[in-house]
């Protein structure tokens, strides 16, 4: 059970307690429109859309090889940059430690 609100008046003499009959928000009118499915019985609509299997076959036939070649080129470029970085780092460590060149 909710506690009843005591009537406390503030400095300005207003009642801080709201009555239960007061509404915080205005009442709105909702106009819902009914959508009827009386003439729908399921099944095909007559339009032939390509199946997911055909879409994936087309992707792997045409677009995947191009994407694969671009990814291989990008991977090789990163691998070459890393190889140069490792070789340069190794030669700097060898030079720092005054070890004979390998």
PDB file of N, CA and C in Angstrom:
ATOM      1  N   UNK A   1       0.838  -1.172   0.000  1.00  0.00           N
ATOM      2  CA  UNK A   1       0.000   0.000   0.000  1.00  0.00           C
ATOM      3  C   UNK A   1       0.885   1.238   0.000  1.00  0.00           C
ATOM      4  N   UNK A   2       0.538   2.189  -0.822  1.00  0.00           N
ATOM      5  CA  UNK A   2       1.310   3.420  -0.896  1.00  0.00           C
ATOM      6  C   UNK A   2       0.993   4.305   0.305  1.00  0.00           C
ATOM      7  N   UNK A   3       2.010   4.987   0.826  1.00  0.00           N
ATOM      8  CA  UNK A   3       1.736   5.897   1.936  1.00  0.00           C
ATOM      9  C   UNK A   3       0.957   7.105   1.450  1.00  0.00           C
ATOM     10  N   UNK A   4       0.082   7.566   2.288  1.00  0.00           N
ATOM     11  CA  UNK A   4      -0.694   8.750   1.910  1.00  0.00           C
ATOM     12  C   UNK A   4       0.187   9.979   2.043  1.00  0.00           C
ATOM     13  N   UNK A   5      -0.058  10.939   1.222  1.00  0.00           N
ATOM     14  CA  UNK A   5       0.754  12.142   1.188  1.00  0.00           C
ATOM     15  C   UNK A   5       0.193  13.156   2.171  1.00  0.00           C
ATOM     16  N   UNK A   6       1.064  13.671   2.981  1.00  0.00           N
ATOM     17  CA  UNK A   6       0.630  14.708   3.912  1.00  0.00           C
ATOM     18  C   UNK A   6       0.628  16.039   3.185  1.00  0.00           C
ATOM     19  N   UNK A   7      -0.187  16.912   3.623  1.00  0.00           N
ATOM     20  CA  UNK A   7      -0.285  18.208   2.974  1.00  0.00           C
ATOM     21  C   UNK A   7       0.773  19.138   3.546  1.00  0.00           C
ATOM     22  N   UNK A   8       1.874  19.236   2.834  1.00  0.00           N
ATOM     23  CA  UNK A   8       2.943  20.140   3.235  1.00  0.00           C
ATOM     24  C   UNK A   8       2.907  21.350   2.332  1.00  0.00           C
ATOM     25  N   UNK A   9       2.926  22.469   2.908  1.00  0.00           N
ATOM     26  CA  UNK A   9       2.977  23.677   2.102  1.00  0.00           C
ATOM     27  C   UNK A   9       4.383  24.218   2.144  1.00  0.00           C
ATOM     28  N   UNK A  10       4.863  24.657   1.003  1.00  0.00           N
ATOM     29  CA  UNK A  10       6.215  25.187   0.905  1.00  0.00           C
ATOM     30  C   UNK A  10       6.267  26.631   1.342  1.00  0.00           C
ATOM     31  N   UNK A  11       7.357  27.275   1.032  1.00  0.00           N
ATOM     32  CA  UNK A  11       7.540  28.676   1.409  1.00  0.00           C
ATOM     33  C   UNK A  11       6.489  29.578   0.778  1.00  0.00           C
ATOM     34  N   UNK A  12       6.118  29.237  -0.415  1.00  0.00           N
ATOM     35  CA  UNK A  12       5.187  30.110  -1.139  1.00  0.00           C
ATOM     36  C   UNK A  12       3.731  29.735  -0.900  1.00  0.00           C
ATOM     37  N   UNK A  13       3.491  28.763  -0.052  1.00  0.00           N
ATOM     38  CA  UNK A  13       2.122  28.410   0.273  1.00  0.00           C
ATOM     39  C   UNK A  13       1.491  27.428  -0.693  1.00  0.00           C
ATOM     40  N   UNK A  14       2.302  26.843  -1.629  1.00  0.00           N
ATOM     41  CA  UNK A  14       1.746  25.868  -2.574  1.00  0.00           C
ATOM     42  C   UNK A  14       1.736  24.489  -1.939  1.00  0.00           C
ATOM     43  N   UNK A  15       0.818  23.689  -2.369  1.00  0.00           N
ATOM     44  CA  UNK A  15       0.738  22.322  -1.891  1.00  0.00           C
ATOM     45  C   UNK A  15       1.688  21.469  -2.734  1.00  0.00           C
ATOM     46  N   UNK A  16       2.627  20.808  -2.087  1.00  0.00           N
ATOM     47  CA  UNK A  16       3.585  19.979  -2.823  1.00  0.00           C
ATOM     48  C   UNK A  16       3.026  18.606  -3.162  1.00  0.00           C
ATOM     49  N   UNK A  17       1.987  18.238  -2.557  1.00  0.00           N
ATOM     50  CA  UNK A  17       1.396  16.918  -2.770  1.00  0.00           C
ATOM     51  C   UNK A  17       0.407  16.984  -3.923  1.00  0.00           C
ATOM     52  N   UNK A  18       0.552  16.099  -4.896  1.00  0.00           N
ATOM     53  CA  UNK A  18      -0.393  16.064  -6.014  1.00  0.00           C
ATOM     54  C   UNK A  18      -1.547  15.138  -5.661  1.00  0.00           C
ATOM     55  N   UNK A  19      -2.684  15.506  -6.113  1.00  0.00           N
ATOM     56  CA  UNK A  19      -3.840  14.641  -5.905  1.00  0.00           C
ATOM     57  C   UNK A  19      -3.796  13.508  -6.918  1.00  0.00           C
ATOM     58  N   UNK A  20      -4.470  12.434  -6.584  1.00  0.00           N
ATOM     59  CA  UNK A  20      -4.508  11.297  -7.503  1.00  0.00           C
ATOM     60  C   UNK A  20      -5.293  11.617  -8.752  1.00  0.00           C
ATOM     61  N   UNK A  21      -6.208  12.511  -8.673  1.00  0.00           N
ATOM     62  CA  UNK A  21      -7.047  12.818  -9.823  1.00  0.00           C
ATOM     63  C   UNK A  21      -6.321  13.710 -10.825  1.00  0.00           C
ATOM     64  N   UNK A  22      -5.259  14.378 -10.410  1.00  0.00           N
ATOM     65  CA  UNK A  22      -4.513  15.226 -11.343  1.00  0.00           C
ATOM     66  C   UNK A  22      -3.704  14.346 -12.288  1.00  0.00           C
ATOM     67  N   UNK A  23      -3.677  14.734 -13.540  1.00  0.00           N
ATOM     68  CA  UNK A  23      -2.914  13.973 -14.525  1.00  0.00           C
ATOM     69  C   UNK A  23      -1.650  14.721 -14.862  1.00  0.00           C
ATOM     70  N   UNK A  24      -0.580  13.975 -15.044  1.00  0.00           N
ATOM     71  CA  UNK A  24       0.693  14.595 -15.374  1.00  0.00           C
ATOM     72  C   UNK A  24       0.795  14.893 -16.857  1.00  0.00           C
ATOM     73  N   UNK A  25       0.208  14.052 -17.693  1.00  0.00           N
ATOM     74  CA  UNK A  25       0.304  14.211 -19.136  1.00  0.00           C
ATOM     75  C   UNK A  25      -1.093  14.413 -19.714  1.00  0.00           C
ATOM     76  N   UNK A  26      -1.196  15.126 -20.811  1.00  0.00           N
ATOM     77  CA  UNK A  26      -2.525  15.320 -21.401  1.00  0.00           C
ATOM     78  C   UNK A  26      -3.044  14.022 -22.020  1.00  0.00           C
ATOM     79  N   UNK A  27      -4.314  13.878 -22.046  1.00  0.00           N
ATOM     80  CA  UNK A  27      -4.939  12.712 -22.658  1.00  0.00           C
ATOM     81  C   UNK A  27      -4.846  12.871 -24.167  1.00  0.00           C
ATOM     82  N   UNK A  28      -4.367  11.846 -24.833  1.00  0.00           N
ATOM     83  CA  UNK A  28      -4.255  11.907 -26.289  1.00  0.00           C
ATOM     84  C   UNK A  28      -5.258  10.952 -26.912  1.00  0.00           C
ATOM     85  N   UNK A  29      -5.616  11.242 -28.128  1.00  0.00           N
ATOM     86  CA  UNK A  29      -6.565  10.415 -28.854  1.00  0.00           C
ATOM     87  C   UNK A  29      -5.791   9.575 -29.857  1.00  0.00           C
ATOM     88  N   UNK A  30      -5.963   8.267 -29.812  1.00  0.00           N
ATOM     89  CA  UNK A  30      -5.249   7.366 -30.719  1.00  0.00           C
ATOM     90  C   UNK A  30      -6.190   6.917 -31.828  1.00  0.00           C
ATOM     91  N   UNK A  31      -5.736   7.017 -33.062  1.00  0.00           N
ATOM     92  CA  UNK A  31      -6.520   6.580 -34.206  1.00  0.00           C
ATOM     93  C   UNK A  31      -5.783   5.440 -34.888  1.00  0.00           C
ATOM     94  N   UNK A  32      -6.069   4.217 -34.488  1.00  0.00           N
ATOM     95  CA  UNK A  32      -5.443   3.065 -35.094  1.00  0.00           C
ATOM     96  C   UNK A  32      -6.239   2.642 -36.320  1.00  0.00           C
ATOM     97  N   UNK A  33      -5.511   2.264 -37.374  1.00  0.00           N
ATOM     98  CA  UNK A  33      -6.180   1.796 -38.580  1.00  0.00           C
ATOM     99  C   UNK A  33      -5.950   0.301 -38.701  1.00  0.00           C
ATOM    100  N   UNK A  34      -6.998  -0.417 -38.977  1.00  0.00           N
ATOM    101  CA  UNK A  34      -6.936  -1.862 -39.056  1.00  0.00           C
ATOM    102  C   UNK A  34      -6.444  -2.261 -40.443  1.00  0.00           C
ATOM    103  N   UNK A  35      -5.519  -3.207 -40.488  1.00  0.00           N
ATOM    104  CA  UNK A  35      -5.003  -3.729 -41.748  1.00  0.00           C
ATOM    105  C   UNK A  35      -5.578  -5.131 -41.924  1.00  0.00           C
ATOM    106  N   UNK A  36      -6.320  -5.326 -42.977  1.00  0.00           N
ATOM    107  CA  UNK A  36      -7.015  -6.585 -43.181  1.00  0.00           C
ATOM    108  C   UNK A  36      -6.210  -7.508 -44.085  1.00  0.00           C
ATOM    109  N   UNK A  37      -6.129  -8.768 -43.702  1.00  0.00           N
ATOM    110  CA  UNK A  37      -5.462  -9.790 -44.511  1.00  0.00           C
ATOM    111  C   UNK A  37      -6.478 -10.818 -45.012  1.00  0.00           C
ATOM    112  N   UNK A  38      -7.666 -10.360 -45.329  1.00  0.00           N
ATOM    113  CA  UNK A  38      -8.725 -11.279 -45.742  1.00  0.00           C
ATOM    114  C   UNK A  38      -8.420 -11.955 -47.069  1.00  0.00           C
ATOM    115  N   UNK A  39      -7.781 -11.244 -47.992  1.00  0.00           N
ATOM    116  CA  UNK A  39      -7.547 -11.793 -49.326  1.00  0.00           C
ATOM    117  C   UNK A  39      -6.139 -12.360 -49.481  1.00  0.00           C
ATOM    118  N   UNK A  40      -5.433 -12.540 -48.412  1.00  0.00           N
ATOM    119  CA  UNK A  40      -4.081 -13.095 -48.489  1.00  0.00           C
ATOM    120  C   UNK A  40      -4.118 -14.531 -47.989  1.00  0.00           C
ATOM    121  N   UNK A  41      -3.642 -15.427 -48.841  1.00  0.00           N
ATOM    122  CA  UNK A  41      -3.671 -16.843 -48.500  1.00  0.00           C
ATOM    123  C   UNK A  41      -2.282 -17.452 -48.479  1.00  0.00           C
ATOM    124  N   UNK A  42      -1.236 -16.643 -48.529  1.00  0.00           N
ATOM    125  CA  UNK A  42       0.131 -17.162 -48.516  1.00  0.00           C
ATOM    126  C   UNK A  42       0.548 -17.603 -49.903  1.00  0.00           C
ATOM    127  N   UNK A  43       1.747 -18.089 -49.982  1.00  0.00           N
ATOM    128  CA  UNK A  43       2.236 -18.584 -51.262  1.00  0.00           C
ATOM    129  C   UNK A  43       3.010 -17.529 -52.022  1.00  0.00           C
ATOM    130  N   UNK A  44       3.289 -17.821 -53.265  1.00  0.00           N
ATOM    131  CA  UNK A  44       4.110 -16.965 -54.105  1.00  0.00           C
ATOM    132  C   UNK A  44       3.321 -15.760 -54.593  1.00  0.00           C
ATOM    133  N   UNK A  45       4.003 -14.653 -54.746  1.00  0.00           N
ATOM    134  CA  UNK A  45       3.361 -13.454 -55.264  1.00  0.00           C
ATOM    135  C   UNK A  45       3.493 -13.363 -56.775  1.00  0.00           C
ATOM    136  N   UNK A  46       4.199 -14.303 -57.363  1.00  0.00           N
ATOM    137  CA  UNK A  46       4.331 -14.323 -58.815  1.00  0.00           C
ATOM    138  C   UNK A  46       5.647 -13.738 -59.302  1.00  0.00           C
ATOM    139  N   UNK A  47       6.323 -12.945 -58.496  1.00  0.00           N
ATOM    140  CA  UNK A  47       7.611 -12.382 -58.910  1.00  0.00           C
ATOM    141  C   UNK A  47       8.711 -13.383 -58.583  1.00  0.00           C
ATOM    142  N   UNK A  48       9.580 -13.597 -59.527  1.00  0.00           N
ATOM    143  CA  UNK A  48      10.652 -14.576 -59.320  1.00  0.00           C
ATOM    144  C   UNK A  48      11.899 -13.847 -58.837  1.00  0.00           C
ATOM    145  N   UNK A  49      12.166 -13.932 -57.568  1.00  0.00           N
ATOM    146  CA  UNK A  49      13.368 -13.333 -56.998  1.00  0.00           C
ATOM    147  C   UNK A  49      14.445 -14.407 -56.936  1.00  0.00           C
ATOM    148  N   UNK A  50      15.694 -14.014 -57.165  1.00  0.00           N
ATOM    149  CA  UNK A  50      16.755 -15.015 -57.117  1.00  0.00           C
ATOM    150  C   UNK A  50      16.923 -15.560 -55.698  1.00  0.00           C
ATOM    151  N   UNK A  51      17.194 -16.849 -55.625  1.00  0.00           N
ATOM    152  CA  UNK A  51      17.351 -17.464 -54.319  1.00  0.00           C
ATOM    153  C   UNK A  51      18.701 -17.088 -53.716  1.00  0.00           C
ATOM    154  N   UNK A  52      18.836 -17.328 -52.421  1.00  0.00           N
ATOM    155  CA  UNK A  52      20.088 -17.016 -51.732  1.00  0.00           C
ATOM    156  C   UNK A  52      21.232 -17.834 -52.313  1.00  0.00           C
ATOM    157  N   UNK A  53      20.953 -19.077 -52.694  1.00  0.00           N
ATOM    158  CA  UNK A  53      21.990 -19.936 -53.273  1.00  0.00           C
ATOM    159  C   UNK A  53      22.504 -19.353 -54.587  1.00  0.00           C
ATOM    160  N   UNK A  54      21.609 -18.855 -55.432  1.00  0.00           N
ATOM    161  CA  UNK A  54      22.040 -18.257 -56.697  1.00  0.00           C
ATOM    162  C   UNK A  54      22.816 -16.963 -56.478  1.00  0.00           C
ATOM    163  N   UNK A  55      22.400 -16.172 -55.492  1.00  0.00           N
ATOM    164  CA  UNK A  55      23.118 -14.935 -55.195  1.00  0.00           C
ATOM    165  C   UNK A  55      24.531 -15.250 -54.735  1.00  0.00           C
ATOM    166  N   UNK A  56      24.682 -16.242 -53.853  1.00  0.00           N
ATOM    167  CA  UNK A  56      26.019 -16.585 -53.368  1.00  0.00           C
ATOM    168  C   UNK A  56      26.872 -17.191 -54.479  1.00  0.00           C
ATOM    169  N   UNK A  57      26.266 -17.957 -55.379  1.00  0.00           N
ATOM    170  CA  UNK A  57      27.045 -18.502 -56.510  1.00  0.00           C
ATOM    171  C   UNK A  57      27.587 -17.382 -57.395  1.00  0.00           C
ATOM    172  N   UNK A  58      26.734 -16.388 -57.666  1.00  0.00           N
ATOM    173  CA  UNK A  58      27.195 -15.265 -58.483  1.00  0.00           C
ATOM    174  C   UNK A  58      28.302 -14.498 -57.786  1.00  0.00           C
ATOM    175  N   UNK A  59      28.191 -14.323 -56.471  1.00  0.00           N
ATOM    176  CA  UNK A  59      29.228 -13.604 -55.741  1.00  0.00           C
ATOM    177  C   UNK A  59      30.553 -14.342 -55.838  1.00  0.00           C
ATOM    178  N   UNK A  60      30.547 -15.645 -55.563  1.00  0.00           N
ATOM    179  CA  UNK A  60      31.801 -16.392 -55.590  1.00  0.00           C
ATOM    180  C   UNK A  60      32.342 -16.561 -57.005  1.00  0.00           C
ATOM    181  N   UNK A  61      31.506 -16.454 -58.015  1.00  0.00           N
ATOM    182  CA  UNK A  61      31.971 -16.582 -59.386  1.00  0.00           C
ATOM    183  C   UNK A  61      32.631 -15.295 -59.885  1.00  0.00           C
ATOM    184  N   UNK A  62      32.073 -14.131 -59.551  1.00  0.00           N
ATOM    185  CA  UNK A  62      32.556 -12.879 -60.136  1.00  0.00           C
ATOM    186  C   UNK A  62      33.306 -11.972 -59.156  1.00  0.00           C
ATOM    187  N   UNK A  63      32.728 -11.731 -57.991  1.00  0.00           N
ATOM    188  CA  UNK A  63      33.298 -10.723 -57.108  1.00  0.00           C
ATOM    189  C   UNK A  63      34.364 -11.270 -56.175  1.00  0.00           C
ATOM    190  N   UNK A  64      34.242 -12.487 -55.721  1.00  0.00           N
ATOM    191  CA  UNK A  64      35.195 -13.041 -54.757  1.00  0.00           C
ATOM    192  C   UNK A  64      36.618 -13.111 -55.312  1.00  0.00           C
ATOM    193  N   UNK A  65      36.842 -13.545 -56.587  1.00  0.00           N
ATOM    194  CA  UNK A  65      38.224 -13.575 -57.075  1.00  0.00           C
ATOM    195  C   UNK A  65      38.876 -12.193 -57.090  1.00  0.00           C
ATOM    196  N   UNK A  66      38.113 -11.152 -57.450  1.00  0.00           N
ATOM    197  CA  UNK A  66      38.674  -9.794 -57.447  1.00  0.00           C
ATOM    198  C   UNK A  66      39.017  -9.357 -56.029  1.00  0.00           C
ATOM    199  N   UNK A  67      38.125  -9.616 -55.099  1.00  0.00           N
ATOM    200  CA  UNK A  67      38.393  -9.260 -53.714  1.00  0.00           C
ATOM    201  C   UNK A  67      39.572 -10.053 -53.166  1.00  0.00           C
ATOM    202  N   UNK A  68      39.659 -11.331 -53.542  1.00  0.00           N
ATOM    203  CA  UNK A  68      40.750 -12.165 -53.068  1.00  0.00           C
ATOM    204  C   UNK A  68      42.087 -11.637 -53.570  1.00  0.00           C
ATOM    205  N   UNK A  69      42.160 -11.240 -54.834  1.00  0.00           N
ATOM    206  CA  UNK A  69      43.415 -10.713 -55.371  1.00  0.00           C
ATOM    207  C   UNK A  69      43.801  -9.402 -54.687  1.00  0.00           C
ATOM    208  N   UNK A  70      42.844  -8.560 -54.402  1.00  0.00           N
ATOM    209  CA  UNK A  70      43.143  -7.313 -53.700  1.00  0.00           C
ATOM    210  C   UNK A  70      43.638  -7.594 -52.287  1.00  0.00           C
ATOM    211  N   UNK A  71      43.037  -8.566 -51.603  1.00  0.00           N
ATOM    212  CA  UNK A  71      43.468  -8.909 -50.255  1.00  0.00           C
ATOM    213  C   UNK A  71      44.857  -9.535 -50.256  1.00  0.00           C
ATOM    214  N   UNK A  72      45.163 -10.361 -51.248  1.00  0.00           N
ATOM    215  CA  UNK A  72      46.501 -10.951 -51.345  1.00  0.00           C
ATOM    216  C   UNK A  72      47.545  -9.864 -51.578  1.00  0.00           C
ATOM    217  N   UNK A  73      47.258  -8.910 -52.454  1.00  0.00           N
ATOM    218  CA  UNK A  73      48.199  -7.823 -52.716  1.00  0.00           C
ATOM    219  C   UNK A  73      48.420  -6.993 -51.456  1.00  0.00           C
ATOM    220  N   UNK A  74      47.367  -6.700 -50.727  1.00  0.00           N
ATOM    221  CA  UNK A  74      47.482  -5.938 -49.485  1.00  0.00           C
ATOM    222  C   UNK A  74      48.290  -6.716 -48.451  1.00  0.00           C
ATOM    223  N   UNK A  75      48.042  -8.022 -48.323  1.00  0.00           N
ATOM    224  CA  UNK A  75      48.784  -8.862 -47.384  1.00  0.00           C
ATOM    225  C   UNK A  75      50.262  -8.902 -47.734  1.00  0.00           C
ATOM    226  N   UNK A  76      50.588  -9.043 -49.022  1.00  0.00           N
ATOM    227  CA  UNK A  76      51.997  -9.095 -49.429  1.00  0.00           C
ATOM    228  C   UNK A  76      52.689  -7.761 -49.160  1.00  0.00           C
ATOM    229  N   UNK A  77      52.004  -6.662 -49.368  1.00  0.00           N
ATOM    230  CA  UNK A  77      52.599  -5.348 -49.081  1.00  0.00           C
ATOM    231  C   UNK A  77      52.895  -5.203 -47.592  1.00  0.00           C
ATOM    232  N   UNK A  78      51.965  -5.611 -46.740  1.00  0.00           N
ATOM    233  CA  UNK A  78      52.200  -5.534 -45.297  1.00  0.00           C
ATOM    234  C   UNK A  78      53.321  -6.472 -44.885  1.00  0.00           C
ATOM    235  N   UNK A  79      53.352  -7.690 -45.456  1.00  0.00           N
ATOM    236  CA  UNK A  79      54.415  -8.637 -45.127  1.00  0.00           C
ATOM    237  C   UNK A  79      55.781  -8.093 -45.545  1.00  0.00           C
ATOM    238  N   UNK A  80      55.875  -7.439 -46.696  1.00  0.00           N
ATOM    239  CA  UNK A  80      57.146  -6.861 -47.143  1.00  0.00           C
ATOM    240  C   UNK A  80      57.587  -5.735 -46.209  1.00  0.00           C
ATOM    241  N   UNK A  81      56.658  -4.900 -45.800  1.00  0.00           N
ATOM    242  CA  UNK A  81      56.992  -3.816 -44.865  1.00  0.00           C
ATOM    243  C   UNK A  81      57.481  -4.384 -43.546  1.00  0.00           C
ATOM    244  N   UNK A  82      56.817  -5.429 -43.053  1.00  0.00           N
ATOM    245  CA  UNK A  82      57.247  -6.051 -41.803  1.00  0.00           C
ATOM    246  C   UNK A  82      58.611  -6.699 -41.943  1.00  0.00           C
ATOM    247  N   UNK A  83      58.884  -7.347 -43.063  1.00  0.00           N
ATOM    248  CA  UNK A  83      60.188  -7.986 -43.261  1.00  0.00           C
ATOM    249  C   UNK A  83      61.297  -6.940 -43.252  1.00  0.00           C
ATOM    250  N   UNK A  84      61.091  -5.836 -43.955  1.00  0.00           N
ATOM    251  CA  UNK A  84      62.093  -4.765 -43.964  1.00  0.00           C
ATOM    252  C   UNK A  84      62.286  -4.209 -42.558  1.00  0.00           C
ATOM    253  N   UNK A  85      61.206  -4.057 -41.807  1.00  0.00           N
ATOM    254  CA  UNK A  85      61.296  -3.545 -40.443  1.00  0.00           C
ATOM    255  C   UNK A  85      62.081  -4.496 -39.547  1.00  0.00           C
ATOM    256  N   UNK A  86      61.819  -5.795 -39.648  1.00  0.00           N
ATOM    257  CA  UNK A  86      62.537  -6.762 -38.821  1.00  0.00           C
ATOM    258  C   UNK A  86      64.011  -6.827 -39.183  1.00  0.00           C
ATOM    259  N   UNK A  87      64.312  -6.788 -40.465  1.00  0.00           N
ATOM    260  CA  UNK A  87      65.719  -6.824 -40.889  1.00  0.00           C
ATOM    261  C   UNK A  87      66.452  -5.575 -40.414  1.00  0.00           C
ATOM    262  N   UNK A  88      65.831  -4.429 -40.538  1.00  0.00           N
ATOM    263  CA  UNK A  88      66.442  -3.187 -40.071  1.00  0.00           C
ATOM    264  C   UNK A  88      66.623  -3.219 -38.558  1.00  0.00           C
ATOM    265  N   UNK A  89      65.656  -3.708 -37.828  1.00  0.00           N
ATOM    266  CA  UNK A  89      65.764  -3.815 -36.371  1.00  0.00           C
ATOM    267  C   UNK A  89      66.863  -4.774 -35.956  1.00  0.00           C
ATOM    268  N   UNK A  90      66.953  -5.902 -36.640  1.00  0.00           N
ATOM    269  CA  UNK A  90      68.000  -6.872 -36.315  1.00  0.00           C
ATOM    270  C   UNK A  90      69.382  -6.284 -36.589  1.00  0.00           C
ATOM    271  N   UNK A  91      69.559  -5.581 -37.708  1.00  0.00           N
ATOM    272  CA  UNK A  91      70.869  -4.987 -37.999  1.00  0.00           C
ATOM    273  C   UNK A  91      71.197  -3.887 -36.989  1.00  0.00           C
ATOM    274  N   UNK A  92      70.193  -3.145 -36.503  1.00  0.00           N
ATOM    275  CA  UNK A  92      70.444  -2.126 -35.483  1.00  0.00           C
ATOM    276  C   UNK A  92      70.873  -2.761 -34.175  1.00  0.00           C
ATOM    277  N   UNK A  93      70.264  -3.881 -33.803  1.00  0.00           N
ATOM    278  CA  UNK A  93      70.654  -4.572 -32.567  1.00  0.00           C
ATOM    279  C   UNK A  93      72.065  -5.131 -32.702  1.00  0.00           C
ATOM    280  N   UNK A  94      72.392  -5.704 -33.856  1.00  0.00           N
ATOM    281  CA  UNK A  94      73.738  -6.235 -34.086  1.00  0.00           C
ATOM    282  C   UNK A  94      74.758  -5.099 -34.022  1.00  0.00           C
ATOM    283  N   UNK A  95      74.450  -3.979 -34.630  1.00  0.00           N
ATOM    284  CA  UNK A  95      75.351  -2.825 -34.592  1.00  0.00           C
ATOM    285  C   UNK A  95      75.487  -2.284 -33.165  1.00  0.00           C
ATOM    286  N   UNK A  96      74.403  -2.269 -32.393  1.00  0.00           N
ATOM    287  CA  UNK A  96      74.425  -1.770 -31.028  1.00  0.00           C
ATOM    288  C   UNK A  96      75.290  -2.658 -30.126  1.00  0.00           C
ATOM    289  N   UNK A  97      75.175  -3.970 -30.306  1.00  0.00           N
ATOM    290  CA  UNK A  97      75.939  -4.906 -29.471  1.00  0.00           C
ATOM    291  C   UNK A  97      77.348  -5.154 -29.985  1.00  0.00           C
ATOM    292  N   UNK A  98      77.730  -4.558 -31.100  1.00  0.00           N
ATOM    293  CA  UNK A  98      79.034  -4.721 -31.730  1.00  0.00           C
ATOM    294  C   UNK A  98      79.355  -6.180 -32.033  1.00  0.00           C
ATOM    295  N   UNK A  99      78.322  -6.909 -32.458  1.00  0.00           N
ATOM    296  CA  UNK A  99      78.534  -8.295 -32.844  1.00  0.00           C
ATOM    297  C   UNK A  99      78.972  -8.336 -34.302  1.00  0.00           C
ATOM    298  N   UNK A 100      79.725  -9.378 -34.676  1.00  0.00           N
ATOM    299  CA  UNK A 100      80.092  -9.489 -36.082  1.00  0.00           C
ATOM    300  C   UNK A 100      78.845  -9.751 -36.931  1.00  0.00           C
ATOM    301  N   UNK A 101      78.871  -9.234 -38.120  1.00  0.00           N
ATOM    302  CA  UNK A 101      77.719  -9.384 -39.013  1.00  0.00           C
ATOM    303  C   UNK A 101      77.481 -10.857 -39.301  1.00  0.00           C
ATOM    304  N   UNK A 102      76.267 -11.241 -39.364  1.00  0.00           N
ATOM    305  CA  UNK A 102      75.947 -12.636 -39.586  1.00  0.00           C
ATOM    306  C   UNK A 102      76.027 -12.990 -41.041  1.00  0.00           C
TER     307      UNK A 102
END
